[in-house]
C-alpha atoms as a PDB file:
ATOM      1  CA  MET A   1      46.937-141.470 130.117  1.00  0.00           C
ATOM      2  CA  PRO A   2      46.691-141.107 126.367  1.00  0.00           C
ATOM      3  CA  PRO A   3      45.679-137.655 125.155  1.00  0.00           C
ATOM      4  CA  ALA A   4      42.492-138.972 123.548  1.00  0.00           C
ATOM      5  CA  VAL A   5      41.291-140.565 126.797  1.00  0.00           C
ATOM      6  CA  ARG A   6      42.190-137.467 128.761  1.00  0.00           C
ATOM      7  CA  ARG A   7      40.131-135.273 126.417  1.00  0.00           C
ATOM      8  CA  SER A   8      37.166-137.644 126.720  1.00  0.00           C
ATOM      9  CA  VAL A   9      37.269-137.558 130.524  1.00  0.00           C
ATOM     10  CA  LEU A  10      37.513-133.774 130.594  1.00  0.00           C
ATOM     11  CA  ALA A  11      34.598-133.480 128.201  1.00  0.00           C
ATOM     12  CA  ARG A  12      32.444-135.708 130.414  1.00  0.00           C
ATOM     13  CA  LEU A  13      33.363-133.794 133.550  1.00  0.00           C
ATOM     14  CA  SER A  14      32.514-130.522 131.846  1.00  0.00           C
ATOM     15  CA  ALA A  15      29.132-131.844 130.771  1.00  0.00           C
ATOM     16  CA  VAL A  16      28.306-133.070 134.264  1.00  0.00           C
ATOM     17  CA  THR A  17      29.345-129.730 135.757  1.00  0.00           C
ATOM     18  CA  VAL A  18      27.158-127.774 133.354  1.00  0.00           C
ATOM     19  CA  LEU A  19      24.201-130.077 134.101  1.00  0.00           C
ATOM     20  CA  VAL A  20      24.556-129.685 137.881  1.00  0.00           C
ATOM     21  CA  VAL A  21      24.866-125.917 137.670  1.00  0.00           C
ATOM     22  CA  GLY A  22      21.833-125.760 135.411  1.00  0.00           C
ATOM     23  CA  LEU A  23      19.751-127.833 137.835  1.00  0.00           C
ATOM     24  CA  LEU A  24      20.783-125.668 140.745  1.00  0.00           C
ATOM     25  CA  LEU A  25      19.834-122.505 138.895  1.00  0.00           C
ATOM     26  CA  ALA A  26      16.536-123.888 137.661  1.00  0.00           C
ATOM     27  CA  ALA A  27      15.373-125.368 140.995  1.00  0.00           C
ATOM     28  CA  PRO A  28      14.196-122.099 142.650  1.00  0.00           C
ATOM     29  CA  ALA A  29      12.450-120.953 139.492  1.00  0.00           C
ATOM     30  CA  THR A  30      10.677-124.295 139.162  1.00  0.00           C
ATOM     31  CA  ALA A  31       9.579-124.288 142.804  1.00  0.00           C
ATOM     32  CA  SER A  32       8.360-120.710 142.489  1.00  0.00           C
ATOM     33  CA  ALA A  33       6.406-121.487 139.332  1.00  0.00           C
ATOM     34  CA  HIS A  34       4.612-124.357 141.049  1.00  0.00           C
ATOM     35  CA  THR A  35       3.688-122.373 144.216  1.00  0.00           C
ATOM     36  CA  GLY A  36       1.196-119.592 143.783  1.00  0.00           C
ATOM     37  CA  LEU A  37      -2.119-118.241 144.987  1.00  0.00           C
ATOM     38  CA  ARG A  38      -4.917-120.549 143.838  1.00  0.00           C
ATOM     39  CA  SER A  39      -8.054-118.869 145.255  1.00  0.00           C
ATOM     40  CA  THR A  40      -9.337-116.398 147.843  1.00  0.00           C
ATOM     41  CA  GLU A  41     -12.485-115.971 149.873  1.00  0.00           C
ATOM     42  CA  PRO A  42     -13.962-113.445 149.209  1.00  0.00           C
ATOM     43  CA  ALA A  43     -12.873-113.821 145.600  1.00  0.00           C
ATOM     44  CA  ALA A  44     -10.743-111.108 144.028  1.00  0.00           C
ATOM     45  CA  ASP A  45     -12.782-108.306 142.394  1.00  0.00           C
ATOM     46  CA  SER A  46     -16.037-109.785 143.708  1.00  0.00           C
ATOM     47  CA  THR A  47     -18.958-108.112 145.514  1.00  0.00           C
ATOM     48  CA  VAL A  48     -20.247-109.709 148.709  1.00  0.00           C
ATOM     49  CA  THR A  49     -23.620-108.859 150.265  1.00  0.00           C
ATOM     50  CA  THR A  50     -22.986-110.775 153.472  1.00  0.00           C
ATOM     51  CA  THR A  51     -20.407-109.744 156.071  1.00  0.00           C
ATOM     52  CA  PRO A  52     -17.429-112.140 156.019  1.00  0.00           C
ATOM     53  CA  GLN A  53     -15.817-113.057 159.307  1.00  0.00           C
ATOM     54  CA  ALA A  54     -12.429-113.862 157.741  1.00  0.00           C
ATOM     55  CA  VAL A  55     -10.398-113.561 154.545  1.00  0.00           C
ATOM     56  CA  THR A  56      -8.944-116.888 153.356  1.00  0.00           C
ATOM     57  CA  LEU A  57      -6.060-117.440 150.907  1.00  0.00           C
ATOM     58  CA  THR A  58      -5.426-120.888 149.425  1.00  0.00           C
ATOM     59  CA  PHE A  59      -2.130-121.628 147.616  1.00  0.00           C
ATOM     60  CA  THR A  60      -1.268-124.310 145.092  1.00  0.00           C
ATOM     61  CA  ALA A  61       1.208-125.882 147.543  1.00  0.00           C
ATOM     62  CA  SER A  62       2.003-125.741 151.231  1.00  0.00           C
ATOM     63  CA  VAL A  63       3.579-122.554 152.504  1.00  0.00           C
ATOM     64  CA  LEU A  64       5.758-121.980 155.539  1.00  0.00           C
ATOM     65  CA  GLY A  65       3.621-119.086 156.765  1.00  0.00           C
ATOM     66  CA  GLY A  66       2.577-115.602 155.784  1.00  0.00           C
ATOM     67  CA  ASP A  67       0.837-112.376 156.638  1.00  0.00           C
ATOM     68  CA  VAL A  68      -2.501-110.864 155.514  1.00  0.00           C
ATOM     69  CA  THR A  69      -3.605-107.244 156.000  1.00  0.00           C
ATOM     70  CA  VAL A  70      -7.149-106.107 155.171  1.00  0.00           C
ATOM     71  CA  THR A  71      -8.036-102.385 155.051  1.00  0.00           C
ATOM     72  CA  GLY A  72     -11.413-100.720 154.664  1.00  0.00           C
ATOM     73  CA  PRO A  73     -12.496 -98.013 152.202  1.00  0.00           C
ATOM     74  CA  ASP A  74     -10.895 -95.319 154.369  1.00  0.00           C
ATOM     75  CA  GLY A  75      -7.601 -97.213 154.662  1.00  0.00           C
ATOM     76  CA  THR A  76      -8.180 -98.323 158.255  1.00  0.00           C
ATOM     77  CA  PRO A  77      -7.140-101.922 159.037  1.00  0.00           C
ATOM     78  CA  VAL A  78     -10.114-104.163 159.848  1.00  0.00           C
ATOM     79  CA  GLY A  79      -8.205-107.206 161.081  1.00  0.00           C
ATOM     80  CA  ALA A  80      -9.704-108.924 164.122  1.00  0.00           C
ATOM     81  CA  GLY A  81      -6.927-111.269 165.184  1.00  0.00           C
ATOM     82  CA  ALA A  82      -3.731-113.080 164.251  1.00  0.00           C
ATOM     83  CA  VAL A  83      -3.374-114.780 160.871  1.00  0.00           C
ATOM     84  CA  SER A  84      -3.571-118.568 161.141  1.00  0.00           C
ATOM     85  CA  HIS A  85      -1.660-120.989 158.876  1.00  0.00           C
ATOM     86  CA  GLU A  86      -2.473-124.572 158.004  1.00  0.00           C
ATOM     87  CA  GLY A  87      -0.746-126.249 155.055  1.00  0.00           C
ATOM     88  CA  ALA A  88      -1.558-124.219 151.957  1.00  0.00           C
ATOM     89  CA  VAL A  89      -4.180-121.988 153.639  1.00  0.00           C
ATOM     90  CA  LEU A  90      -3.821-118.628 155.375  1.00  0.00           C
ATOM     91  CA  THR A  91      -6.824-117.281 157.324  1.00  0.00           C
ATOM     92  CA  ALA A  92      -7.129-113.690 158.558  1.00  0.00           C
ATOM     93  CA  PRO A  93     -10.077-112.839 160.889  1.00  0.00           C
ATOM     94  CA  VAL A  94     -11.729-109.510 160.024  1.00  0.00           C
ATOM     95  CA  ALA A  95     -14.435-107.219 161.427  1.00  0.00           C
ATOM     96  CA  LEU A  96     -15.746-105.083 158.575  1.00  0.00           C
ATOM     97  CA  THR A  97     -17.077-101.725 159.752  1.00  0.00           C
ATOM     98  CA  GLY A  98     -18.908-100.548 156.634  1.00  0.00           C
ATOM     99  CA  ALA A  99     -19.661-100.909 152.966  1.00  0.00           C
ATOM    100  CA  GLY A 100     -17.164-100.158 150.207  1.00  0.00           C
ATOM    101  CA  ARG A 101     -13.994-101.462 148.594  1.00  0.00           C
ATOM    102  CA  HIS A 102     -11.648-103.455 150.813  1.00  0.00           C
ATOM    103  CA  THR A 103      -8.009-104.113 149.973  1.00  0.00           C
ATOM    104  CA  VAL A 104      -6.163-107.315 150.886  1.00  0.00           C
ATOM    105  CA  THR A 105      -2.349-107.205 150.943  1.00  0.00           C
ATOM    106  CA  TRP A 106      -0.660-110.540 151.551  1.00  0.00           C
ATOM    107  CA  SER A 107       2.754-112.174 151.675  1.00  0.00           C
ATOM    108  CA  ALA A 108       3.813-115.799 152.135  1.00  0.00           C
ATOM    109  CA  VAL A 109       6.889-118.030 152.050  1.00  0.00           C
ATOM    110  CA  ALA A 110       6.888-121.062 149.756  1.00  0.00           C
ATOM    111  CA  ALA A 111       8.113-124.442 150.961  1.00  0.00           C
ATOM    112  CA  ASP A 112      11.472-123.844 149.247  1.00  0.00           C
ATOM    113  CA  GLY A 113      11.892-120.482 151.010  1.00  0.00           C
ATOM    114  CA  HIS A 114      10.910-118.374 148.000  1.00  0.00           C
ATOM    115  CA  PRO A 115       8.888-115.262 148.994  1.00  0.00           C
ATOM    116  CA  LEU A 116       5.427-114.671 147.531  1.00  0.00           C
ATOM    117  CA  ASP A 117       3.242-111.568 147.757  1.00  0.00           C
ATOM    118  CA  GLY A 118       0.281-109.877 146.133  1.00  0.00           C
ATOM    119  CA  THR A 119      -2.771-107.617 146.488  1.00  0.00           C
ATOM    120  CA  PHE A 120      -6.430-107.913 145.564  1.00  0.00           C
ATOM    121  CA  THR A 121      -9.694-106.125 146.362  1.00  0.00           C
ATOM    122  CA  PHE A 122     -13.329-106.993 146.955  1.00  0.00           C
ATOM    123  CA  GLU A 123     -16.477-104.908 147.373  1.00  0.00           C
ATOM    124  CA  HIS A 124     -18.616-105.127 150.505  1.00  0.00           C
ATOM    125  CA  ALA A 125     -22.255-104.200 149.765  1.00  0.00           C
ATOM    126  CA  PRO A 126     -24.454-105.415 152.644  1.00  0.00           C
ATOM    127  CA  LEU A 127     -28.182-105.631 152.027  1.00  0.00           C
ATOM    128  CA  ALA A 128     -30.267-102.812 153.504  1.00  0.00           C
ATOM    129  CA  PRO A 129     -32.113-103.833 156.679  1.00  0.00           C
ATOM    130  CA  VAL A 130     -35.857-104.369 156.356  1.00  0.00           C
ATOM    131  CA  THR A 131     -37.839-101.535 157.998  1.00  0.00           C
ATOM    132  CA  PRO A 132     -40.735-102.850 160.099  1.00  0.00           C
ATOM    133  CA  ALA A 133     -44.229-101.514 159.398  1.00  0.00           C
ATOM    134  CA  PRO A 134     -45.230 -98.657 161.758  1.00  0.00           C
ATOM    135  CA  ALA A 135     -47.595 -99.523 164.572  1.00  0.00           C
ATOM    136  CA  PRO A 136     -51.162 -98.108 164.274  1.00  0.00           C
ATOM    137  CA  PRO A 137     -51.795 -94.895 166.281  1.00  0.00           C
ATOM    138  CA  SER A 138     -53.354 -95.280 169.693  1.00  0.00           C
ATOM    139  CA  GLY A 139     -56.514 -93.477 168.540  1.00  0.00           C
ATOM    140  CA  THR A 140     -57.330 -96.338 166.161  1.00  0.00           C
ATOM    141  CA  ASP A 141     -57.183 -99.021 168.826  1.00  0.00           C
ATOM    142  CA  PRO A 142     -60.332-101.139 168.397  1.00  0.00           C
ATOM    143  CA  ASP A 143     -60.649-101.520 172.168  1.00  0.00           C
ATOM    144  CA  ALA A 144     -60.392 -97.763 172.720  1.00  0.00           C
ATOM    145  CA  ALA A 145     -63.018 -97.079 170.025  1.00  0.00           C
ATOM    146  CA  THR A 146     -65.635 -99.313 171.675  1.00  0.00           C
ATOM    147  CA  PRO A 147     -68.071 -97.070 173.630  1.00  0.00           C
ATOM    148  CA  GLU A 148     -68.681 -97.765 177.289  1.00  0.00           C
ATOM    149  CA  PRO A 149     -72.239 -98.938 178.169  1.00  0.00           C
ATOM    150  CA  ALA A 150     -74.441 -96.135 179.607  1.00  0.00           C
ATOM    151  CA  PRO A 151     -75.304 -96.422 183.318  1.00  0.00           C
ATOM    152  CA  ASP A 152     -78.762 -97.791 184.118  1.00  0.00           C
ATOM    153  CA  THR A 153     -80.932 -94.845 185.261  1.00  0.00           C
ATOM    154  CA  SER A 154     -84.171 -96.820 185.539  1.00  0.00           C
ATOM    155  CA  THR A 155     -85.868 -97.098 188.943  1.00  0.00           C
ATOM    156  CA  ASP A 156     -87.241-100.209 190.557  1.00  0.00           C
ATOM    157  CA  THR A 157     -90.882-100.273 191.595  1.00  0.00           C
ATOM    158  CA  ASP A 158     -92.207-102.388 194.407  1.00  0.00           C
ATOM    159  CA  PRO A 159     -94.779-104.734 192.764  1.00  0.00           C
ATOM    160  CA  GLU A 160     -96.983-104.856 195.940  1.00  0.00           C
ATOM    161  CA  THR A 161     -97.168-101.133 196.860  1.00  0.00           C
ATOM    162  CA  GLY A 162     -96.443 -99.580 193.465  1.00  0.00           C
ATOM    163  CA  THR A 163     -93.974 -97.153 195.062  1.00  0.00           C
ATOM    164  CA  ASP A 164     -90.491 -96.337 193.941  1.00  0.00           C
ATOM    165  CA  THR A 165     -88.076 -98.439 196.015  1.00  0.00           C
ATOM    166  CA  ALA A 166     -85.325 -95.885 195.537  1.00  0.00           C
ATOM    167  CA  SER A 167     -87.531 -93.133 197.026  1.00  0.00           C
ATOM    168  CA  ALA A 168     -88.751 -95.361 199.820  1.00  0.00           C
ATOM    169  CA  ASP A 169     -85.276 -96.457 200.825  1.00  0.00           C
ATOM    170  CA  GLY A 170     -83.473 -93.166 200.355  1.00  0.00           C
ATOM    171  CA  ALA A 171     -86.277 -90.519 200.387  1.00  0.00           C
ATOM    172  CA  ALA A 172     -85.180 -88.886 197.122  1.00  0.00           C
ATOM    173  CA  GLY A 173     -81.554 -89.409 197.821  1.00  0.00           C
ATOM    174  CA  LEU A 174     -81.651 -88.789 201.614  1.00  0.00           C
ATOM    175  CA  PRO A 175     -80.206 -91.275 204.078  1.00  0.00           C
ATOM    176  CA  ALA A 176     -82.603 -93.973 205.228  1.00  0.00           C
ATOM    177  CA  GLY A 177     -82.636 -92.751 208.879  1.00  0.00           C
ATOM    178  CA  VAL A 178     -83.724 -89.166 208.131  1.00  0.00           C
ATOM    179  CA  PRO A 179     -87.488 -89.911 207.609  1.00  0.00           C
ATOM    180  CA  VAL A 180     -87.579 -91.722 210.985  1.00  0.00           C
ATOM    181  CA  LEU A 181     -86.065 -88.701 212.743  1.00  0.00           C
ATOM    182  CA  VAL A 182     -88.562 -86.383 211.043  1.00  0.00           C
ATOM    183  CA  ALA A 183     -91.494 -88.554 212.122  1.00  0.00           C
ATOM    184  CA  THR A 184     -90.197 -88.703 215.690  1.00  0.00           C
ATOM    185  CA  ALA A 185     -89.795 -84.911 215.803  1.00  0.00           C
ATOM    186  CA  ALA A 186     -93.350 -84.466 214.514  1.00  0.00           C
ATOM    187  CA  VAL A 187     -94.708 -86.687 217.291  1.00  0.00           C
ATOM    188  CA  VAL A 188     -92.743 -84.762 219.926  1.00  0.00           C
ATOM    189  CA  VAL A 189     -93.948 -81.402 218.609  1.00  0.00           C
ATOM    190  CA  GLY A 190     -97.575 -82.609 218.508  1.00  0.00           C
ATOM    191  CA  THR A 191     -97.378 -83.919 222.048  1.00  0.00           C
ATOM    192  CA  ALA A 192     -95.930 -80.621 223.273  1.00  0.00           C
ATOM    193  CA  ALA A 193     -98.646 -78.626 221.498  1.00  0.00           C
ATOM    194  CA  LEU A 194    -101.374 -80.788 223.026  1.00  0.00           C
ATOM    195  CA  ALA A 195     -99.907 -80.341 226.507  1.00  0.00           C
ATOM    196  CA  LEU A 196     -99.753 -76.574 226.015  1.00  0.00           C
ATOM    197  CA  ARG A 197    -103.428 -76.414 225.079  1.00  0.00           C
ATOM    198  CA  ARG A 198    -104.455 -78.326 228.163  1.00  0.00           C
ATOM    199  CA  THR A 199    -102.423 -75.976 230.317  1.00  0.00           C
ATOM    200  CA  ARG A 200    -104.191 -72.898 228.851  1.00  0.00           C
ATOM    201  CA  ARG A 201    -107.624 -74.338 229.458  1.00  0.00           C
ATOM    202  CA  ARG A 202    -106.928 -74.675 233.172  1.00  0.00           C
END
């Protein structure tokens, strides 16, 4: 092989080798640059007034999996279950126990095997519960304030005799049979007195 041809072949082989090595070195960096965290729910540095049931991370491309840890203001984890993975989304169930700043620490693996990780925070500020109006005191109950009707103390009068029916029936509050007994006793006493007089005359 002539020297000129040999130099040309070597030059081409060297160029191809440099190109392949460059592509191999640039591939991970390119994949990593195109896979990143796109959005979160709750959003980073946001304040939420409702109580979220989960923290969701959405990436710019599918990931192989990952892990999400959420801690409350006192540093206690508030996770409520295993992290689920579907395509480019990681979902971590949470059970927030109070108001304050919550920290989300996450890690994931890109489709090319490159590791990803990060941290963000959000503020939990639930609305204060509405206090119901106090019930009126029992003394102001309209039903309790209504006076009871006074008992009827009037007496009934017999229209034919003009006598008080209450006195006639009860003899000023006495049982109905008492006047009959009194009258009977008076008759007995009178009869006895009459018999005694007759006896003395004899």
